[in-house]
Amino acid sequence: MTVTMNVSLPEPLKAFVDEQVRRGAYGSTSDYVRQLIRDDREKAAGRALQTLIAEGLASGPSTPVDAAYWRNKRKQHGL
């Protein structure tokens, strides 16, 4: 499903986008904006992953987790 979104740009930015389309880098202004959003979403996911990795590394030494570990956890919680 696609929806329409209106975006206001100052003239210099619109001229830049129009030039990108004119050069053939993008098929339309919409293609350009969609790609910017995809790129930004990918960067945000990368930043989130980096944060999770840093948190994991800062959390201290790891504990091996195997079947016995889970059996003990279930037993501790009456499962």
Protein backbone atom coordinates (compact mmCIF):
# COMPACT_ATOMS: atom_id res chain seq x y z
CA MET A 1 0.00 0.00 0.00
CA THR A 2 1.37 3.40 -0.88
CA VAL A 3 0.29 6.71 0.57
CA THR A 4 0.95 10.23 -0.58
CA MET A 5 3.06 12.55 1.52
CA ASN A 6 3.67 16.19 0.70
CA VAL A 7 7.06 17.59 1.60
CA SER A 8 8.03 21.25 1.42
CA LEU A 9 11.62 22.03 0.43
CA PRO A 10 13.50 25.28 0.10
CA GLU A 11 14.38 26.02 -3.52
CA PRO A 12 18.08 25.02 -3.23
CA LEU A 13 17.14 21.56 -1.93
CA LYS A 14 14.46 21.08 -4.58
CA ALA A 15 16.98 22.08 -7.25
CA PHE A 16 19.42 19.51 -5.90
CA VAL A 17 16.80 16.75 -5.94
CA ASP A 18 15.71 17.74 -9.45
CA GLU A 19 19.35 17.58 -10.59
CA GLN A 20 19.75 14.08 -9.16
CA VAL A 21 16.68 12.95 -11.08
CA ARG A 22 17.80 14.77 -14.25
CA ARG A 23 21.19 13.02 -14.12
CA GLY A 24 19.38 9.70 -14.10
CA ALA A 25 20.47 8.72 -10.61
CA TYR A 26 16.79 8.30 -9.72
CA GLY A 27 13.68 7.80 -11.80
CA SER A 28 11.67 10.42 -9.95
CA THR A 29 11.66 12.65 -6.92
CA SER A 30 9.69 9.96 -5.10
CA ASP A 31 12.39 7.38 -5.91
CA TYR A 32 14.99 9.73 -4.46
CA VAL A 33 13.06 10.31 -1.23
CA ARG A 34 12.28 6.60 -0.83
CA GLN A 35 15.98 5.76 -1.18
CA LEU A 36 16.92 8.39 1.41
CA ILE A 37 14.43 6.86 3.82
CA ARG A 38 15.70 3.31 3.14
CA ASP A 39 19.29 4.45 3.69
CA ASP A 40 18.38 6.23 6.92
CA ARG A 41 16.46 3.19 8.16
CA GLU A 42 19.48 0.98 7.45
CA LYS A 43 21.79 3.38 9.30
CA ALA A 44 19.41 3.45 12.28
CA ALA A 45 19.37 -0.36 12.39
CA GLY A 46 23.18 -0.37 12.29
CA ARG A 47 23.35 2.11 15.17
CA ALA A 48 20.88 0.03 17.18
CA LEU A 49 22.95 -3.09 16.58
CA GLN A 50 26.14 -1.29 17.62
CA THR A 51 24.42 -0.19 20.83
CA LEU A 52 23.30 -3.74 21.61
CA ILE A 53 26.79 -5.10 20.96
CA ALA A 54 28.34 -2.44 23.21
CA GLU A 55 25.82 -3.23 25.96
CA GLY A 56 26.59 -6.93 25.65
CA LEU A 57 30.33 -6.35 25.84
CA ALA A 58 29.91 -4.08 28.87
CA SER A 59 27.68 -6.57 30.70
CA GLY A 60 30.60 -8.65 31.89
CA PRO A 61 31.77 -12.16 31.21
CA SER A 62 29.43 -14.50 29.44
CA THR A 63 27.86 -17.59 30.97
CA PRO A 64 27.74 -20.76 28.90
CA VAL A 65 24.15 -21.70 28.16
CA ASP A 66 23.36 -25.32 27.36
CA ALA A 67 20.52 -27.76 27.94
CA ALA A 68 21.50 -28.22 31.59
CA TYR A 69 21.36 -24.48 32.16
CA TRP A 70 17.79 -24.32 30.84
CA ARG A 71 16.75 -27.39 32.85
CA ASN A 72 17.99 -25.69 36.02
CA LYS A 73 16.21 -22.43 35.13
CA ARG A 74 12.92 -24.26 34.52
CA LYS A 75 13.35 -26.15 37.80
CA GLN A 76 14.04 -22.88 39.69
CA HIS A 77 10.81 -21.40 38.34
CA GLY A 78 8.69 -24.50 38.80
CA LEU A 79 8.29 -25.19 35.10
